[in-house]
Amino acid sequence: MCGTPHTELFYQQTRGTLQGREFWRCQNCQLIQVPAVHRLSLADEKAIYDYHENDPQDPHYRSFLDRAAVPLQSRLHSGAQGLDFGSGPGPTLSLMLTERGFPCAIYDVFYAPDTKVLNTTYDYITCTEVIEHIAAPADVLEQLLQCLKPGGWLVLMTKRWRDLAHFKGWNYRNDPTHISFFHQHTIDWLAQHWSLRIDYLSDDVVILQTKQ
């Protein structure tokens, strides 16, 4: 995330199908990443996403996404326009926000790869359960922030690790498509780096605002 050379091997899986998988921690921003040698190919990664059942009509899935949508929409002006980055095989959050009067475009590297939507600016951008799949999160965040208007909102939904004891028993790290793991210090670092205001809403939802 921060580009520092000060990293260390934080954990290595010792059993299961991912035995030997390494997790390296940045000693500065506390981002943990899986090195390239232990990552899936793009084809294998997409094959896993193809099995995701993100049904826009599923009330439980909508309730899950509402933990990000409801606090976001309370901050938006009428008609605010946004982008759902990493919308997945069954775009749902974008539909929910559009239904509520906040039109939302979509982008997904596998399922909605039209990059023209990344060449405009938005009042808000959502990135829910996405950033943990990305090998270069700083580059992606830089790109997304360039797509936000002054005073715009960026919603990140990703679970945060706490300490080594928590990480060892953390099921979130067992998903082979999860390769970047944020700590609260990581969020603090990126907020300071890009001069963003932070609202921590839960252990996996953060809203960041750009300068007016």
C-alpha atoms as a PDB file:
ATOM      1  CA  MET A   1       0.000   0.000   0.000  1.00  0.00           C
ATOM      2  CA  CYS A   2       2.517   2.606   1.157  1.00  0.00           C
ATOM      3  CA  GLY A   3       5.502   1.377  -0.872  1.00  0.00           C
ATOM      4  CA  THR A   4       7.823   0.863   2.074  1.00  0.00           C
ATOM      5  CA  PRO A   5      10.436  -1.926   1.710  1.00  0.00           C
ATOM      6  CA  HIS A   6       9.957  -2.914   5.351  1.00  0.00           C
ATOM      7  CA  THR A   7       7.892  -6.099   5.133  1.00  0.00           C
ATOM      8  CA  GLU A   8       8.025  -9.381   6.996  1.00  0.00           C
ATOM      9  CA  LEU A   9       6.574 -12.865   6.721  1.00  0.00           C
ATOM     10  CA  PHE A  10       3.622 -12.618   9.072  1.00  0.00           C
ATOM     11  CA  TYR A  11       1.968 -16.028   8.723  1.00  0.00           C
ATOM     12  CA  GLN A  12       2.123 -19.198   6.647  1.00  0.00           C
ATOM     13  CA  GLN A  13      -0.674 -21.722   6.340  1.00  0.00           C
ATOM     14  CA  THR A  14       0.358 -25.138   7.573  1.00  0.00           C
ATOM     15  CA  ARG A  15      -2.579 -27.281   6.539  1.00  0.00           C
ATOM     16  CA  GLY A  16      -5.445 -27.604   4.087  1.00  0.00           C
ATOM     17  CA  THR A  17      -5.584 -27.043   0.335  1.00  0.00           C
ATOM     18  CA  LEU A  18      -3.747 -23.715   0.720  1.00  0.00           C
ATOM     19  CA  GLN A  19      -0.881 -25.205   2.753  1.00  0.00           C
ATOM     20  CA  GLY A  20       2.295 -23.162   2.329  1.00  0.00           C
ATOM     21  CA  ARG A  21       0.459 -19.971   1.367  1.00  0.00           C
ATOM     22  CA  GLU A  22       2.359 -16.962   2.732  1.00  0.00           C
ATOM     23  CA  PHE A  23       1.088 -13.677   4.136  1.00  0.00           C
ATOM     24  CA  TRP A  24       3.508 -10.739   4.263  1.00  0.00           C
ATOM     25  CA  ARG A  25       2.890  -7.688   6.451  1.00  0.00           C
ATOM     26  CA  CYS A  26       4.018  -4.121   5.836  1.00  0.00           C
ATOM     27  CA  GLN A  27       5.545  -2.841   9.061  1.00  0.00           C
ATOM     28  CA  ASN A  28       4.486   0.712   8.196  1.00  0.00           C
ATOM     29  CA  CYS A  29       0.843   0.635   7.008  1.00  0.00           C
ATOM     30  CA  GLN A  30       0.047  -2.900   8.286  1.00  0.00           C
ATOM     31  CA  LEU A  31      -1.364  -4.130   4.976  1.00  0.00           C
ATOM     32  CA  ILE A  32      -1.003  -7.908   4.681  1.00  0.00           C
ATOM     33  CA  GLN A  33      -0.637  -9.389   1.204  1.00  0.00           C
ATOM     34  CA  VAL A  34      -0.263 -12.781  -0.408  1.00  0.00           C
ATOM     35  CA  PRO A  35       2.756 -12.802  -2.781  1.00  0.00           C
ATOM     36  CA  ALA A  36       2.203 -13.372  -6.489  1.00  0.00           C
ATOM     37  CA  VAL A  37       3.528 -16.940  -6.400  1.00  0.00           C
ATOM     38  CA  HIS A  38       0.594 -17.942  -4.168  1.00  0.00           C
ATOM     39  CA  ARG A  39      -2.145 -16.154  -6.119  1.00  0.00           C
ATOM     40  CA  LEU A  40      -4.633 -17.708  -8.527  1.00  0.00           C
ATOM     41  CA  SER A  41      -4.542 -17.141 -12.264  1.00  0.00           C
ATOM     42  CA  LEU A  42      -7.207 -14.753 -13.569  1.00  0.00           C
ATOM     43  CA  ALA A  43      -9.052 -17.700 -15.135  1.00  0.00           C
ATOM     44  CA  ASP A  44      -9.113 -19.652 -11.877  1.00  0.00           C
ATOM     45  CA  GLU A  45     -10.128 -16.540  -9.964  1.00  0.00           C
ATOM     46  CA  LYS A  46     -13.061 -15.868 -12.296  1.00  0.00           C
ATOM     47  CA  ALA A  47     -14.134 -19.518 -12.102  1.00  0.00           C
ATOM     48  CA  ILE A  48     -14.690 -19.031  -8.363  1.00  0.00           C
ATOM     49  CA  TYR A  49     -16.650 -15.796  -8.868  1.00  0.00           C
ATOM     50  CA  ASP A  50     -18.857 -17.541 -11.426  1.00  0.00           C
ATOM     51  CA  TYR A  51     -20.227 -19.668  -8.587  1.00  0.00           C
ATOM     52  CA  HIS A  52     -21.220 -16.638  -6.489  1.00  0.00           C
ATOM     53  CA  GLU A  53     -24.973 -16.359  -6.160  1.00  0.00           C
ATOM     54  CA  ASN A  54     -25.426 -12.599  -5.898  1.00  0.00           C
ATOM     55  CA  ASP A  55     -29.161 -12.468  -6.519  1.00  0.00           C
ATOM     56  CA  PRO A  56     -30.537  -8.892  -6.608  1.00  0.00           C
ATOM     57  CA  GLN A  57     -33.869 -10.253  -5.353  1.00  0.00           C
ATOM     58  CA  ASP A  58     -32.369 -11.984  -2.315  1.00  0.00           C
ATOM     59  CA  PRO A  59     -33.533 -10.026   0.763  1.00  0.00           C
ATOM     60  CA  HIS A  60     -30.652 -11.359   2.873  1.00  0.00           C
ATOM     61  CA  TYR A  61     -28.087 -10.160   0.351  1.00  0.00           C
ATOM     62  CA  ARG A  62     -29.797  -6.770   0.180  1.00  0.00           C
ATOM     63  CA  SER A  63     -29.761  -6.544   3.963  1.00  0.00           C
ATOM     64  CA  PHE A  64     -26.037  -7.307   3.949  1.00  0.00           C
ATOM     65  CA  LEU A  65     -25.377  -4.531   1.423  1.00  0.00           C
ATOM     66  CA  ASP A  66     -27.641  -2.105   3.276  1.00  0.00           C
ATOM     67  CA  ARG A  67     -24.945  -1.882   5.959  1.00  0.00           C
ATOM     68  CA  ALA A  68     -23.072   0.181   3.355  1.00  0.00           C
ATOM     69  CA  ALA A  69     -25.972   1.610   1.353  1.00  0.00           C
ATOM     70  CA  VAL A  70     -28.036   3.109   4.174  1.00  0.00           C
ATOM     71  CA  PRO A  71     -25.274   5.204   5.798  1.00  0.00           C
ATOM     72  CA  LEU A  72     -24.076   6.268   2.348  1.00  0.00           C
ATOM     73  CA  GLN A  73     -27.454   7.456   1.097  1.00  0.00           C
ATOM     74  CA  SER A  74     -27.996   9.483   4.275  1.00  0.00           C
ATOM     75  CA  ARG A  75     -24.953  11.533   3.204  1.00  0.00           C
ATOM     76  CA  LEU A  76     -25.950  12.028  -0.445  1.00  0.00           C
ATOM     77  CA  HIS A  77     -27.839  14.897  -2.027  1.00  0.00           C
ATOM     78  CA  SER A  78     -30.899  14.145  -4.129  1.00  0.00           C
ATOM     79  CA  GLY A  79     -29.973  12.671  -7.495  1.00  0.00           C
ATOM     80  CA  ALA A  80     -26.333  12.047  -6.576  1.00  0.00           C
ATOM     81  CA  GLN A  81     -24.665   9.843  -9.183  1.00  0.00           C
ATOM     82  CA  GLY A  82     -22.253   7.065  -8.404  1.00  0.00           C
ATOM     83  CA  LEU A  83     -20.270   4.049  -9.475  1.00  0.00           C
ATOM     84  CA  ASP A  84     -20.239   0.551  -8.026  1.00  0.00           C
ATOM     85  CA  PHE A  85     -16.670  -0.663  -8.567  1.00  0.00           C
ATOM     86  CA  GLY A  86     -16.414  -4.447  -8.621  1.00  0.00           C
ATOM     87  CA  SER A  87     -20.117  -5.044  -9.117  1.00  0.00           C
ATOM     88  CA  GLY A  88     -19.727  -8.804  -9.570  1.00  0.00           C
ATOM     89  CA  PRO A  89     -21.778 -11.301 -11.570  1.00  0.00           C
ATOM     90  CA  GLY A  90     -25.094 -10.132 -10.106  1.00  0.00           C
ATOM     91  CA  PRO A  91     -24.991  -6.330  -9.646  1.00  0.00           C
ATOM     92  CA  THR A  92     -27.183  -5.529  -6.663  1.00  0.00           C
ATOM     93  CA  LEU A  93     -25.883  -2.529  -4.723  1.00  0.00           C
ATOM     94  CA  SER A  94     -26.045  -0.390  -7.866  1.00  0.00           C
ATOM     95  CA  LEU A  95     -29.661  -1.462  -8.375  1.00  0.00           C
ATOM     96  CA  MET A  96     -30.572  -0.695  -4.768  1.00  0.00           C
ATOM     97  CA  LEU A  97     -29.075   2.804  -4.915  1.00  0.00           C
ATOM     98  CA  THR A  98     -30.651   3.539  -8.303  1.00  0.00           C
ATOM     99  CA  GLU A  99     -34.043   2.461  -6.966  1.00  0.00           C
ATOM    100  CA  ARG A 100     -33.607   4.963  -4.120  1.00  0.00           C
ATOM    101  CA  GLY A 101     -32.899   7.907  -6.406  1.00  0.00           C
ATOM    102  CA  PHE A 102     -29.103   7.730  -6.630  1.00  0.00           C
ATOM    103  CA  PRO A 103     -28.239   6.543 -10.167  1.00  0.00           C
ATOM    104  CA  CYS A 104     -25.310   4.139 -10.137  1.00  0.00           C
ATOM    105  CA  ALA A 105     -23.105   2.903 -12.984  1.00  0.00           C
ATOM    106  CA  ILE A 106     -21.167  -0.350 -12.674  1.00  0.00           C
ATOM    107  CA  TYR A 107     -17.670  -1.571 -13.401  1.00  0.00           C
ATOM    108  CA  ASP A 108     -16.196  -5.027 -12.971  1.00  0.00           C
ATOM    109  CA  VAL A 109     -13.008  -6.314 -14.548  1.00  0.00           C
ATOM    110  CA  PHE A 110     -14.698  -9.643 -15.335  1.00  0.00           C
ATOM    111  CA  TYR A 111     -18.425  -8.916 -15.719  1.00  0.00           C
ATOM    112  CA  ALA A 112     -18.738  -5.253 -16.721  1.00  0.00           C
ATOM    113  CA  PRO A 113     -15.322  -4.287 -18.137  1.00  0.00           C
ATOM    114  CA  ASP A 114     -16.307  -1.090 -19.969  1.00  0.00           C
ATOM    115  CA  THR A 115     -13.564   1.296 -18.833  1.00  0.00           C
ATOM    116  CA  LYS A 116     -15.424   4.345 -20.165  1.00  0.00           C
ATOM    117  CA  VAL A 117     -17.187   4.570 -16.802  1.00  0.00           C
ATOM    118  CA  LEU A 118     -13.775   5.214 -15.215  1.00  0.00           C
ATOM    119  CA  ASN A 119     -13.306   8.354 -17.311  1.00  0.00           C
ATOM    120  CA  THR A 120     -15.933  10.459 -15.565  1.00  0.00           C
ATOM    121  CA  THR A 121     -16.476  11.817 -12.059  1.00  0.00           C
ATOM    122  CA  TYR A 122     -19.053  10.802  -9.466  1.00  0.00           C
ATOM    123  CA  ASP A 123     -20.599  11.983  -6.232  1.00  0.00           C
ATOM    124  CA  TYR A 124     -19.960   8.578  -4.679  1.00  0.00           C
ATOM    125  CA  ILE A 125     -18.214   5.276  -5.367  1.00  0.00           C
ATOM    126  CA  THR A 126     -18.888   1.962  -3.656  1.00  0.00           C
ATOM    127  CA  CYS A 127     -16.288  -0.795  -3.384  1.00  0.00           C
ATOM    128  CA  THR A 128     -17.851  -3.585  -1.356  1.00  0.00           C
ATOM    129  CA  GLU A 129     -16.027  -6.881  -0.779  1.00  0.00           C
ATOM    130  CA  VAL A 130     -13.623  -6.014  -3.602  1.00  0.00           C
ATOM    131  CA  ILE A 131     -10.403  -4.442  -2.339  1.00  0.00           C
ATOM    132  CA  GLU A 132      -9.285  -7.675  -0.644  1.00  0.00           C
ATOM    133  CA  HIS A 133      -9.142  -9.275  -4.117  1.00  0.00           C
ATOM    134  CA  ILE A 134      -6.810  -6.637  -5.574  1.00  0.00           C
ATOM    135  CA  ALA A 135      -3.044  -7.028  -5.845  1.00  0.00           C
ATOM    136  CA  ALA A 136      -2.295  -3.282  -6.100  1.00  0.00           C
ATOM    137  CA  PRO A 137      -4.870  -1.608  -3.837  1.00  0.00           C
ATOM    138  CA  ALA A 138      -3.034   1.740  -3.718  1.00  0.00           C
ATOM    139  CA  ASP A 139      -3.187   2.050  -7.516  1.00  0.00           C
ATOM    140  CA  VAL A 140      -6.887   1.198  -7.562  1.00  0.00           C
ATOM    141  CA  LEU A 141      -7.710   3.608  -4.748  1.00  0.00           C
ATOM    142  CA  GLU A 142      -5.778   6.366  -6.517  1.00  0.00           C
ATOM    143  CA  GLN A 143      -7.827   5.721  -9.649  1.00  0.00           C
ATOM    144  CA  LEU A 144     -11.126   5.705  -7.764  1.00  0.00           C
ATOM    145  CA  LEU A 145     -10.325   8.916  -5.893  1.00  0.00           C
ATOM    146  CA  GLN A 146      -9.578  10.611  -9.209  1.00  0.00           C
ATOM    147  CA  CYS A 147     -13.111   9.646 -10.238  1.00  0.00           C
ATOM    148  CA  LEU A 148     -14.660  11.412  -7.222  1.00  0.00           C
ATOM    149  CA  LYS A 149     -15.867  14.990  -7.217  1.00  0.00           C
ATOM    150  CA  PRO A 150     -14.699  17.310  -4.401  1.00  0.00           C
ATOM    151  CA  GLY A 151     -16.542  16.274  -1.264  1.00  0.00           C
ATOM    152  CA  GLY A 152     -17.352  12.899  -2.816  1.00  0.00           C
ATOM    153  CA  TRP A 153     -17.797   9.694  -0.858  1.00  0.00           C
ATOM    154  CA  LEU A 154     -15.931   6.390  -1.135  1.00  0.00           C
ATOM    155  CA  VAL A 155     -17.403   3.369   0.635  1.00  0.00           C
ATOM    156  CA  LEU A 156     -15.057   0.469   1.391  1.00  0.00           C
ATOM    157  CA  MET A 157     -16.425  -2.794   2.698  1.00  0.00           C
ATOM    158  CA  THR A 158     -13.729  -5.277   3.650  1.00  0.00           C
ATOM    159  CA  LYS A 159     -13.050  -7.122   6.894  1.00  0.00           C
ATOM    160  CA  ARG A 160     -10.073  -5.861   8.878  1.00  0.00           C
ATOM    161  CA  TRP A 161      -7.517  -8.007  10.676  1.00  0.00           C
ATOM    162  CA  ARG A 162      -6.627  -7.123  14.270  1.00  0.00           C
ATOM    163  CA  ASP A 163      -3.603  -9.100  15.473  1.00  0.00           C
ATOM    164  CA  LEU A 164      -1.733 -12.365  14.890  1.00  0.00           C
ATOM    165  CA  ALA A 165      -3.987 -14.419  17.183  1.00  0.00           C
ATOM    166  CA  HIS A 166      -7.040 -13.135  15.314  1.00  0.00           C
ATOM    167  CA  PHE A 167      -5.413 -13.733  11.921  1.00  0.00           C
ATOM    168  CA  LYS A 168      -4.515 -17.338  12.716  1.00  0.00           C
ATOM    169  CA  GLY A 169      -8.150 -18.252  13.292  1.00  0.00           C
ATOM    170  CA  TRP A 170      -9.614 -15.882  10.708  1.00  0.00           C
ATOM    171  CA  ASN A 171     -11.707 -17.642   8.094  1.00  0.00           C
ATOM    172  CA  TYR A 172     -11.546 -14.568   5.841  1.00  0.00           C
ATOM    173  CA  ARG A 173      -7.929 -15.372   4.940  1.00  0.00           C
ATOM    174  CA  ASN A 174      -8.899 -18.862   3.740  1.00  0.00           C
ATOM    175  CA  ASP A 175     -10.599 -17.596   0.580  1.00  0.00           C
ATOM    176  CA  PRO A 176      -7.987 -18.142  -2.166  1.00  0.00           C
ATOM    177  CA  THR A 177      -9.196 -15.013  -3.985  1.00  0.00           C
ATOM    178  CA  HIS A 178      -8.458 -12.827  -0.925  1.00  0.00           C
ATOM    179  CA  ILE A 179      -4.932 -11.467  -1.280  1.00  0.00           C
ATOM    180  CA  SER A 180      -4.926  -8.039   0.469  1.00  0.00           C
ATOM    181  CA  PHE A 181      -5.955  -7.635   4.103  1.00  0.00           C
ATOM    182  CA  PHE A 182      -6.471  -4.237   5.697  1.00  0.00           C
ATOM    183  CA  HIS A 183      -5.889  -3.236   9.307  1.00  0.00           C
ATOM    184  CA  GLN A 184      -7.363  -0.099  10.878  1.00  0.00           C
ATOM    185  CA  HIS A 185      -3.855   1.373  10.613  1.00  0.00           C
ATOM    186  CA  THR A 186      -4.009   0.741   6.849  1.00  0.00           C
ATOM    187  CA  ILE A 187      -7.219   2.745   6.579  1.00  0.00           C
ATOM    188  CA  ASP A 188      -5.721   5.480   8.756  1.00  0.00           C
ATOM    189  CA  TRP A 189      -2.655   5.576   6.519  1.00  0.00           C
ATOM    190  CA  LEU A 190      -4.612   5.912   3.280  1.00  0.00           C
ATOM    191  CA  ALA A 191      -6.865   8.582   4.783  1.00  0.00           C
ATOM    192  CA  GLN A 192      -3.834  10.618   5.805  1.00  0.00           C
ATOM    193  CA  HIS A 193      -2.061   9.998   2.492  1.00  0.00           C
ATOM    194  CA  TRP A 194      -4.993  11.229   0.393  1.00  0.00           C
ATOM    195  CA  SER A 195      -6.344  13.764   2.916  1.00  0.00           C
ATOM    196  CA  LEU A 196      -9.648  11.961   3.422  1.00  0.00           C
ATOM    197  CA  ARG A 197     -12.101  12.137   6.285  1.00  0.00           C
ATOM    198  CA  ILE A 198     -12.920   8.732   7.815  1.00  0.00           C
ATOM    199  CA  ASP A 199     -16.122   7.368   9.302  1.00  0.00           C
ATOM    200  CA  TYR A 200     -15.666   3.883  10.765  1.00  0.00           C
ATOM    201  CA  LEU A 201     -19.158   2.357  10.700  1.00  0.00           C
ATOM    202  CA  SER A 202     -18.396  -1.246  11.671  1.00  0.00           C
ATOM    203  CA  ASP A 203     -15.571  -3.783  11.609  1.00  0.00           C
ATOM    204  CA  ASP A 204     -15.887  -4.012   7.809  1.00  0.00           C
ATOM    205  CA  VAL A 205     -17.526  -0.795   6.542  1.00  0.00           C
ATOM    206  CA  VAL A 206     -15.729   2.540   6.213  1.00  0.00           C
ATOM    207  CA  ILE A 207     -16.870   5.721   4.489  1.00  0.00           C
ATOM    208  CA  LEU A 208     -14.187   8.131   3.290  1.00  0.00           C
ATOM    209  CA  GLN A 209     -14.810  11.666   2.018  1.00  0.00           C
ATOM    210  CA  THR A 210     -12.587  13.746  -0.240  1.00  0.00           C
ATOM    211  CA  LYS A 211     -11.892  17.411   0.450  1.00  0.00           C
ATOM    212  CA  GLN A 212     -14.604  19.866  -0.541  1.00  0.00           C
END
